[in-house]
């Protein structure tokens, strides 16, 4: 992404396996300004759970860790930067690689305080870039649910639920999703964000560039502009 600084992750989720282009919004459990984008990136990279982009909505600071043509590693991993070994969760790697494009955006924020309630510096540049990769400005799962700190019981029920807020049918349509809406993934964020402030009240067709055929090569590709 042209506006993003480059902080290259040494690992990624491998090749993408195809499907509708999509973007997933996560929160990293740190308030904007409390930690730098660079520090957050290094933390996720060191723990082998990088997302594609890390964004501070208060300042517009943005970093890209992984090529858009490769899968991320954040879905199903620990939600917050203050990671600890006991919070490692087993998750199917294919969730991260589903879609011709599956961009994971880690936002400095907390799910109990929706980041759309504050400034969104740089949001149009991010969404326009996603447009160019064919991610439609729609939310098939609707507005993500509010954060409910119910612990492991909620996580287990979310993994079992094939419908509703983690619907496979909605996921297959592509577009924008909160991590809490991704099937087989028990991430809690981003909370009850105002989706209209991200993609607009009615959405619009994406300005699609030619999408690549999914590749099987194990080597990471250079991060494109």
C-alpha atoms as a PDB file:
ATOM      1  CA  UNK A   1       0.000   0.000   0.000  1.00  0.00           C
ATOM      2  CA  UNK A   2       1.639   3.286  -1.070  1.00  0.00           C
ATOM      3  CA  UNK A   3       0.737   5.224   2.096  1.00  0.00           C
ATOM      4  CA  UNK A   4       2.052   2.544   4.478  1.00  0.00           C
ATOM      5  CA  UNK A   5       5.554   2.194   5.863  1.00  0.00           C
ATOM      6  CA  UNK A   6       7.096  -1.239   5.299  1.00  0.00           C
ATOM      7  CA  UNK A   7       7.902  -3.474   8.249  1.00  0.00           C
ATOM      8  CA  UNK A   8       8.488  -6.885   6.736  1.00  0.00           C
ATOM      9  CA  UNK A   9       7.326  -9.969   8.612  1.00  0.00           C
ATOM     10  CA  UNK A  10       9.561 -13.004   8.288  1.00  0.00           C
ATOM     11  CA  UNK A  11       6.562 -15.312   8.182  1.00  0.00           C
ATOM     12  CA  UNK A  12       3.103 -15.232   6.635  1.00  0.00           C
ATOM     13  CA  UNK A  13       0.136 -17.561   6.255  1.00  0.00           C
ATOM     14  CA  UNK A  14       1.187 -18.965   2.897  1.00  0.00           C
ATOM     15  CA  UNK A  15      -0.600 -18.816  -0.465  1.00  0.00           C
ATOM     16  CA  UNK A  16      -4.229 -17.749  -0.719  1.00  0.00           C
ATOM     17  CA  UNK A  17      -6.631 -20.480  -1.798  1.00  0.00           C
ATOM     18  CA  UNK A  18      -9.244 -18.414  -3.648  1.00  0.00           C
ATOM     19  CA  UNK A  19     -12.724 -17.075  -3.058  1.00  0.00           C
ATOM     20  CA  UNK A  20     -14.331 -13.653  -2.908  1.00  0.00           C
ATOM     21  CA  UNK A  21     -11.989 -10.794  -1.895  1.00  0.00           C
ATOM     22  CA  UNK A  22     -12.469  -9.708   1.706  1.00  0.00           C
ATOM     23  CA  UNK A  23     -11.063  -7.493   4.445  1.00  0.00           C
ATOM     24  CA  UNK A  24     -11.156  -8.275   8.164  1.00  0.00           C
ATOM     25  CA  UNK A  25     -10.948  -5.575  10.843  1.00  0.00           C
ATOM     26  CA  UNK A  26      -9.346  -6.532  14.177  1.00  0.00           C
ATOM     27  CA  UNK A  27      -8.508  -4.583  17.316  1.00  0.00           C
ATOM     28  CA  UNK A  28      -5.183  -5.089  19.097  1.00  0.00           C
ATOM     29  CA  UNK A  29      -6.245  -4.215  22.635  1.00  0.00           C
ATOM     30  CA  UNK A  30      -4.097  -1.062  22.886  1.00  0.00           C
ATOM     31  CA  UNK A  31      -5.394   2.494  22.793  1.00  0.00           C
ATOM     32  CA  UNK A  32      -4.340   4.711  19.890  1.00  0.00           C
ATOM     33  CA  UNK A  33      -1.196   6.581  20.904  1.00  0.00           C
ATOM     34  CA  UNK A  34      -0.443   4.200  23.797  1.00  0.00           C
ATOM     35  CA  UNK A  35       1.915   2.189  21.598  1.00  0.00           C
ATOM     36  CA  UNK A  36       3.457   2.999  18.247  1.00  0.00           C
ATOM     37  CA  UNK A  37       2.529   1.182  15.071  1.00  0.00           C
ATOM     38  CA  UNK A  38       6.165   0.086  14.790  1.00  0.00           C
ATOM     39  CA  UNK A  39       6.167  -1.440  18.277  1.00  0.00           C
ATOM     40  CA  UNK A  40       2.873  -3.220  17.637  1.00  0.00           C
ATOM     41  CA  UNK A  41       4.224  -4.595  14.359  1.00  0.00           C
ATOM     42  CA  UNK A  42       7.400  -5.905  15.958  1.00  0.00           C
ATOM     43  CA  UNK A  43       5.359  -7.587  18.706  1.00  0.00           C
ATOM     44  CA  UNK A  44       3.121  -9.420  16.231  1.00  0.00           C
ATOM     45  CA  UNK A  45       6.057 -10.357  14.004  1.00  0.00           C
ATOM     46  CA  UNK A  46       8.074 -11.758  16.918  1.00  0.00           C
ATOM     47  CA  UNK A  47       5.121 -13.938  17.918  1.00  0.00           C
ATOM     48  CA  UNK A  48       4.506 -15.119  14.342  1.00  0.00           C
ATOM     49  CA  UNK A  49       0.955 -13.735  14.182  1.00  0.00           C
ATOM     50  CA  UNK A  50       1.252 -10.749  11.811  1.00  0.00           C
ATOM     51  CA  UNK A  51      -1.685  -9.144  10.057  1.00  0.00           C
ATOM     52  CA  UNK A  52      -1.300  -7.277   6.755  1.00  0.00           C
ATOM     53  CA  UNK A  53      -1.766  -3.725   8.041  1.00  0.00           C
ATOM     54  CA  UNK A  54      -1.472  -2.038  11.429  1.00  0.00           C
ATOM     55  CA  UNK A  55      -3.250   1.309  11.716  1.00  0.00           C
ATOM     56  CA  UNK A  56      -3.464   4.027  14.355  1.00  0.00           C
ATOM     57  CA  UNK A  57      -6.801   5.753  13.637  1.00  0.00           C
ATOM     58  CA  UNK A  58      -5.895   8.765  15.796  1.00  0.00           C
ATOM     59  CA  UNK A  59      -2.770   9.699  13.832  1.00  0.00           C
ATOM     60  CA  UNK A  60      -3.224   7.872  10.527  1.00  0.00           C
ATOM     61  CA  UNK A  61       0.092   6.062  11.070  1.00  0.00           C
ATOM     62  CA  UNK A  62       0.033   2.889   8.987  1.00  0.00           C
ATOM     63  CA  UNK A  63       2.402  -0.028   8.416  1.00  0.00           C
ATOM     64  CA  UNK A  64       2.255  -2.995   6.052  1.00  0.00           C
ATOM     65  CA  UNK A  65       3.781  -6.263   7.240  1.00  0.00           C
ATOM     66  CA  UNK A  66       2.736  -8.792   4.577  1.00  0.00           C
ATOM     67  CA  UNK A  67       2.100  -8.719   0.839  1.00  0.00           C
ATOM     68  CA  UNK A  68      -1.581  -8.473  -0.055  1.00  0.00           C
ATOM     69  CA  UNK A  69      -0.967 -11.542  -2.239  1.00  0.00           C
ATOM     70  CA  UNK A  70      -0.174 -13.728   0.797  1.00  0.00           C
ATOM     71  CA  UNK A  71      -2.285 -14.884   3.746  1.00  0.00           C
ATOM     72  CA  UNK A  72      -1.989 -13.256   7.165  1.00  0.00           C
ATOM     73  CA  UNK A  73      -1.714 -15.059  10.506  1.00  0.00           C
ATOM     74  CA  UNK A  74      -3.895 -13.015  12.857  1.00  0.00           C
ATOM     75  CA  UNK A  75      -7.274 -14.760  12.573  1.00  0.00           C
ATOM     76  CA  UNK A  76      -7.685 -17.204  15.429  1.00  0.00           C
ATOM     77  CA  UNK A  77      -4.538 -15.960  17.191  1.00  0.00           C
ATOM     78  CA  UNK A  78      -4.528 -13.952  20.412  1.00  0.00           C
ATOM     79  CA  UNK A  79      -6.480 -10.702  20.044  1.00  0.00           C
ATOM     80  CA  UNK A  80      -4.270  -8.400  22.080  1.00  0.00           C
ATOM     81  CA  UNK A  81      -0.686  -7.227  22.046  1.00  0.00           C
ATOM     82  CA  UNK A  82      -0.180  -8.323  25.681  1.00  0.00           C
ATOM     83  CA  UNK A  83       0.028 -11.912  24.558  1.00  0.00           C
ATOM     84  CA  UNK A  84       0.830 -14.794  26.886  1.00  0.00           C
ATOM     85  CA  UNK A  85       1.443 -18.483  26.047  1.00  0.00           C
ATOM     86  CA  UNK A  86      -1.696 -19.730  27.775  1.00  0.00           C
ATOM     87  CA  UNK A  87      -3.800 -17.640  25.372  1.00  0.00           C
ATOM     88  CA  UNK A  88      -2.594 -19.501  22.277  1.00  0.00           C
ATOM     89  CA  UNK A  89      -5.628 -20.962  20.517  1.00  0.00           C
ATOM     90  CA  UNK A  90      -5.779 -23.783  18.022  1.00  0.00           C
ATOM     91  CA  UNK A  91      -7.392 -22.632  14.800  1.00  0.00           C
ATOM     92  CA  UNK A  92      -7.656 -23.833  11.209  1.00  0.00           C
ATOM     93  CA  UNK A  93      -4.993 -22.132   9.109  1.00  0.00           C
ATOM     94  CA  UNK A  94      -7.297 -22.104   6.091  1.00  0.00           C
ATOM     95  CA  UNK A  95      -9.409 -19.309   7.618  1.00  0.00           C
ATOM     96  CA  UNK A  96      -6.483 -16.942   7.149  1.00  0.00           C
ATOM     97  CA  UNK A  97      -5.957 -17.983   3.527  1.00  0.00           C
ATOM     98  CA  UNK A  98      -9.567 -17.972   2.294  1.00  0.00           C
ATOM     99  CA  UNK A  99     -10.242 -15.463  -0.485  1.00  0.00           C
ATOM    100  CA  UNK A 100      -8.285 -14.302  -3.521  1.00  0.00           C
ATOM    101  CA  UNK A 101      -7.530 -11.387  -1.219  1.00  0.00           C
ATOM    102  CA  UNK A 102      -8.040 -11.559   2.563  1.00  0.00           C
ATOM    103  CA  UNK A 103      -6.564  -8.392   4.067  1.00  0.00           C
ATOM    104  CA  UNK A 104      -6.297  -8.339   7.856  1.00  0.00           C
ATOM    105  CA  UNK A 105      -6.240  -4.830   9.374  1.00  0.00           C
ATOM    106  CA  UNK A 106      -5.044  -4.590  12.956  1.00  0.00           C
ATOM    107  CA  UNK A 107      -6.384  -1.370  14.530  1.00  0.00           C
ATOM    108  CA  UNK A 108      -4.930   0.194  17.662  1.00  0.00           C
ATOM    109  CA  UNK A 109      -8.050   0.136  19.789  1.00  0.00           C
ATOM    110  CA  UNK A 110     -10.092  -2.022  22.157  1.00  0.00           C
ATOM    111  CA  UNK A 111     -13.321  -3.866  21.305  1.00  0.00           C
ATOM    112  CA  UNK A 112     -15.151  -2.400  24.307  1.00  0.00           C
ATOM    113  CA  UNK A 113     -14.480   1.108  22.949  1.00  0.00           C
ATOM    114  CA  UNK A 114     -15.338   1.027  19.204  1.00  0.00           C
ATOM    115  CA  UNK A 115     -12.595   2.836  17.314  1.00  0.00           C
ATOM    116  CA  UNK A 116     -15.121   4.495  14.999  1.00  0.00           C
ATOM    117  CA  UNK A 117     -16.214   6.726  17.905  1.00  0.00           C
ATOM    118  CA  UNK A 118     -12.979   8.703  17.487  1.00  0.00           C
ATOM    119  CA  UNK A 119     -10.940  10.110  14.599  1.00  0.00           C
ATOM    120  CA  UNK A 120     -10.333   7.876  11.589  1.00  0.00           C
ATOM    121  CA  UNK A 121      -7.282   9.494  10.046  1.00  0.00           C
ATOM    122  CA  UNK A 122      -6.429   7.847   6.750  1.00  0.00           C
ATOM    123  CA  UNK A 123      -9.523   5.649   6.500  1.00  0.00           C
ATOM    124  CA  UNK A 124     -10.413   6.674   2.945  1.00  0.00           C
ATOM    125  CA  UNK A 125      -6.925   5.772   1.707  1.00  0.00           C
ATOM    126  CA  UNK A 126      -7.218   2.316   3.267  1.00  0.00           C
ATOM    127  CA  UNK A 127     -10.693   1.620   1.917  1.00  0.00           C
ATOM    128  CA  UNK A 128      -9.827   2.964  -1.547  1.00  0.00           C
ATOM    129  CA  UNK A 129      -6.818   0.642  -1.616  1.00  0.00           C
ATOM    130  CA  UNK A 130      -9.088  -2.270  -0.660  1.00  0.00           C
ATOM    131  CA  UNK A 131     -11.462  -1.152  -3.446  1.00  0.00           C
ATOM    132  CA  UNK A 132      -8.617  -1.478  -5.935  1.00  0.00           C
ATOM    133  CA  UNK A 133      -8.137  -5.121  -4.899  1.00  0.00           C
ATOM    134  CA  UNK A 134     -11.812  -5.925  -5.438  1.00  0.00           C
ATOM    135  CA  UNK A 135     -13.057  -5.821  -1.834  1.00  0.00           C
ATOM    136  CA  UNK A 136     -16.675  -4.690  -2.098  1.00  0.00           C
ATOM    137  CA  UNK A 137     -17.910  -1.947   0.243  1.00  0.00           C
ATOM    138  CA  UNK A 138     -20.454  -4.118   2.003  1.00  0.00           C
ATOM    139  CA  UNK A 139     -20.750  -5.891   5.345  1.00  0.00           C
ATOM    140  CA  UNK A 140     -22.513  -9.253   4.747  1.00  0.00           C
ATOM    141  CA  UNK A 141     -22.654  -9.910   8.489  1.00  0.00           C
ATOM    142  CA  UNK A 142     -23.998  -6.436   9.265  1.00  0.00           C
ATOM    143  CA  UNK A 143     -22.580  -4.337  12.062  1.00  0.00           C
ATOM    144  CA  UNK A 144     -20.272  -6.392  14.330  1.00  0.00           C
ATOM    145  CA  UNK A 145     -21.702  -7.145  17.749  1.00  0.00           C
ATOM    146  CA  UNK A 146     -20.660  -5.298  20.872  1.00  0.00           C
ATOM    147  CA  UNK A 147     -17.841  -6.765  22.918  1.00  0.00           C
ATOM    148  CA  UNK A 148     -18.946  -9.304  25.516  1.00  0.00           C
ATOM    149  CA  UNK A 149     -16.134 -10.332  27.896  1.00  0.00           C
ATOM    150  CA  UNK A 150     -17.709 -13.694  28.668  1.00  0.00           C
ATOM    151  CA  UNK A 151     -14.476 -15.657  28.529  1.00  0.00           C
ATOM    152  CA  UNK A 152     -13.910 -19.195  27.230  1.00  0.00           C
ATOM    153  CA  UNK A 153     -17.569 -20.190  27.200  1.00  0.00           C
ATOM    154  CA  UNK A 154     -18.321 -17.545  24.590  1.00  0.00           C
ATOM    155  CA  UNK A 155     -15.282 -18.524  22.542  1.00  0.00           C
ATOM    156  CA  UNK A 156     -16.280 -22.188  22.512  1.00  0.00           C
ATOM    157  CA  UNK A 157     -19.849 -21.433  21.482  1.00  0.00           C
ATOM    158  CA  UNK A 158     -18.620 -19.124  18.730  1.00  0.00           C
ATOM    159  CA  UNK A 159     -16.444 -21.858  17.267  1.00  0.00           C
ATOM    160  CA  UNK A 160     -19.407 -24.253  17.217  1.00  0.00           C
ATOM    161  CA  UNK A 161     -21.902 -21.824  15.689  1.00  0.00           C
ATOM    162  CA  UNK A 162     -22.165 -22.242  11.887  1.00  0.00           C
ATOM    163  CA  UNK A 163     -24.739 -19.464  11.433  1.00  0.00           C
ATOM    164  CA  UNK A 164     -25.529 -16.004  12.682  1.00  0.00           C
ATOM    165  CA  UNK A 165     -22.588 -13.797  13.436  1.00  0.00           C
ATOM    166  CA  UNK A 166     -20.018 -16.318  12.092  1.00  0.00           C
ATOM    167  CA  UNK A 167     -21.928 -17.441   9.031  1.00  0.00           C
ATOM    168  CA  UNK A 168     -20.134 -19.385   6.310  1.00  0.00           C
ATOM    169  CA  UNK A 169     -22.660 -18.163   3.728  1.00  0.00           C
ATOM    170  CA  UNK A 170     -21.996 -14.519   4.607  1.00  0.00           C
ATOM    171  CA  UNK A 171     -18.235 -15.073   4.671  1.00  0.00           C
ATOM    172  CA  UNK A 172     -18.369 -16.592   1.172  1.00  0.00           C
ATOM    173  CA  UNK A 173     -19.858 -13.378  -0.257  1.00  0.00           C
ATOM    174  CA  UNK A 174     -16.718 -11.379   0.464  1.00  0.00           C
ATOM    175  CA  UNK A 175     -16.558  -7.735   1.479  1.00  0.00           C
ATOM    176  CA  UNK A 176     -15.770  -6.287   4.914  1.00  0.00           C
ATOM    177  CA  UNK A 177     -16.009  -8.204   8.195  1.00  0.00           C
ATOM    178  CA  UNK A 178     -15.188  -7.776  11.846  1.00  0.00           C
ATOM    179  CA  UNK A 179     -12.936 -10.536  13.168  1.00  0.00           C
ATOM    180  CA  UNK A 180     -15.826 -11.514  15.464  1.00  0.00           C
ATOM    181  CA  UNK A 181     -17.799 -12.460  12.303  1.00  0.00           C
ATOM    182  CA  UNK A 182     -15.235 -14.854  10.806  1.00  0.00           C
ATOM    183  CA  UNK A 183     -16.234 -18.550  10.829  1.00  0.00           C
ATOM    184  CA  UNK A 184     -14.192 -20.945  12.967  1.00  0.00           C
ATOM    185  CA  UNK A 185     -12.388 -18.013  14.560  1.00  0.00           C
ATOM    186  CA  UNK A 186     -12.959 -16.817  18.122  1.00  0.00           C
ATOM    187  CA  UNK A 187     -11.476 -13.323  17.918  1.00  0.00           C
ATOM    188  CA  UNK A 188     -13.580 -10.874  19.950  1.00  0.00           C
ATOM    189  CA  UNK A 189     -12.933  -7.554  18.181  1.00  0.00           C
ATOM    190  CA  UNK A 190     -13.520  -5.030  16.815  1.00  0.00           C
ATOM    191  CA  UNK A 191     -16.687  -4.445  18.874  1.00  0.00           C
ATOM    192  CA  UNK A 192     -19.755  -2.484  17.778  1.00  0.00           C
ATOM    193  CA  UNK A 193     -18.026  -0.268  15.229  1.00  0.00           C
ATOM    194  CA  UNK A 194     -20.012   2.107  13.026  1.00  0.00           C
ATOM    195  CA  UNK A 195     -19.518   0.473   9.624  1.00  0.00           C
ATOM    196  CA  UNK A 196     -20.889   3.540   7.812  1.00  0.00           C
ATOM    197  CA  UNK A 197     -17.869   5.519   8.984  1.00  0.00           C
ATOM    198  CA  UNK A 198     -15.591   3.001   7.270  1.00  0.00           C
ATOM    199  CA  UNK A 199     -17.255   2.206   3.942  1.00  0.00           C
ATOM    200  CA  UNK A 200     -20.008   4.846   3.751  1.00  0.00           C
ATOM    201  CA  UNK A 201     -23.748   4.464   4.374  1.00  0.00           C
ATOM    202  CA  UNK A 202     -24.579   2.654   1.143  1.00  0.00           C
ATOM    203  CA  UNK A 203     -21.287   1.252  -0.077  1.00  0.00           C
ATOM    204  CA  UNK A 204     -20.279   1.364  -3.711  1.00  0.00           C
ATOM    205  CA  UNK A 205     -18.818  -1.015  -6.305  1.00  0.00           C
ATOM    206  CA  UNK A 206     -15.114  -1.601  -5.892  1.00  0.00           C
ATOM    207  CA  UNK A 207     -12.725  -0.311  -8.520  1.00  0.00           C
ATOM    208  CA  UNK A 208     -11.173  -3.687  -9.190  1.00  0.00           C
ATOM    209  CA  UNK A 209      -7.710  -4.252 -10.564  1.00  0.00           C
ATOM    210  CA  UNK A 210      -6.912  -7.621 -12.124  1.00  0.00           C
ATOM    211  CA  UNK A 211      -6.771 -10.148  -9.304  1.00  0.00           C
ATOM    212  CA  UNK A 212      -4.046 -12.803  -9.356  1.00  0.00           C
ATOM    213  CA  UNK A 213      -4.615 -16.517  -9.676  1.00  0.00           C
ATOM    214  CA  UNK A 214      -3.786 -18.109  -6.285  1.00  0.00           C
ATOM    215  CA  UNK A 215      -0.219 -19.387  -6.268  1.00  0.00           C
ATOM    216  CA  UNK A 216       1.259 -22.463  -4.661  1.00  0.00           C
ATOM    217  CA  UNK A 217       4.845 -21.198  -4.301  1.00  0.00           C
ATOM    218  CA  UNK A 218       5.967 -21.194  -0.661  1.00  0.00           C
ATOM    219  CA  UNK A 219       8.257 -18.174  -1.051  1.00  0.00           C
ATOM    220  CA  UNK A 220       6.870 -14.811   0.056  1.00  0.00           C
ATOM    221  CA  UNK A 221       6.306 -12.240  -2.675  1.00  0.00           C
ATOM    222  CA  UNK A 222       7.607  -8.634  -2.487  1.00  0.00           C
ATOM    223  CA  UNK A 223       5.120  -6.247  -0.912  1.00  0.00           C
ATOM    224  CA  UNK A 224       3.369  -4.465  -3.803  1.00  0.00           C
ATOM    225  CA  UNK A 225       2.578  -0.801  -3.835  1.00  0.00           C
END
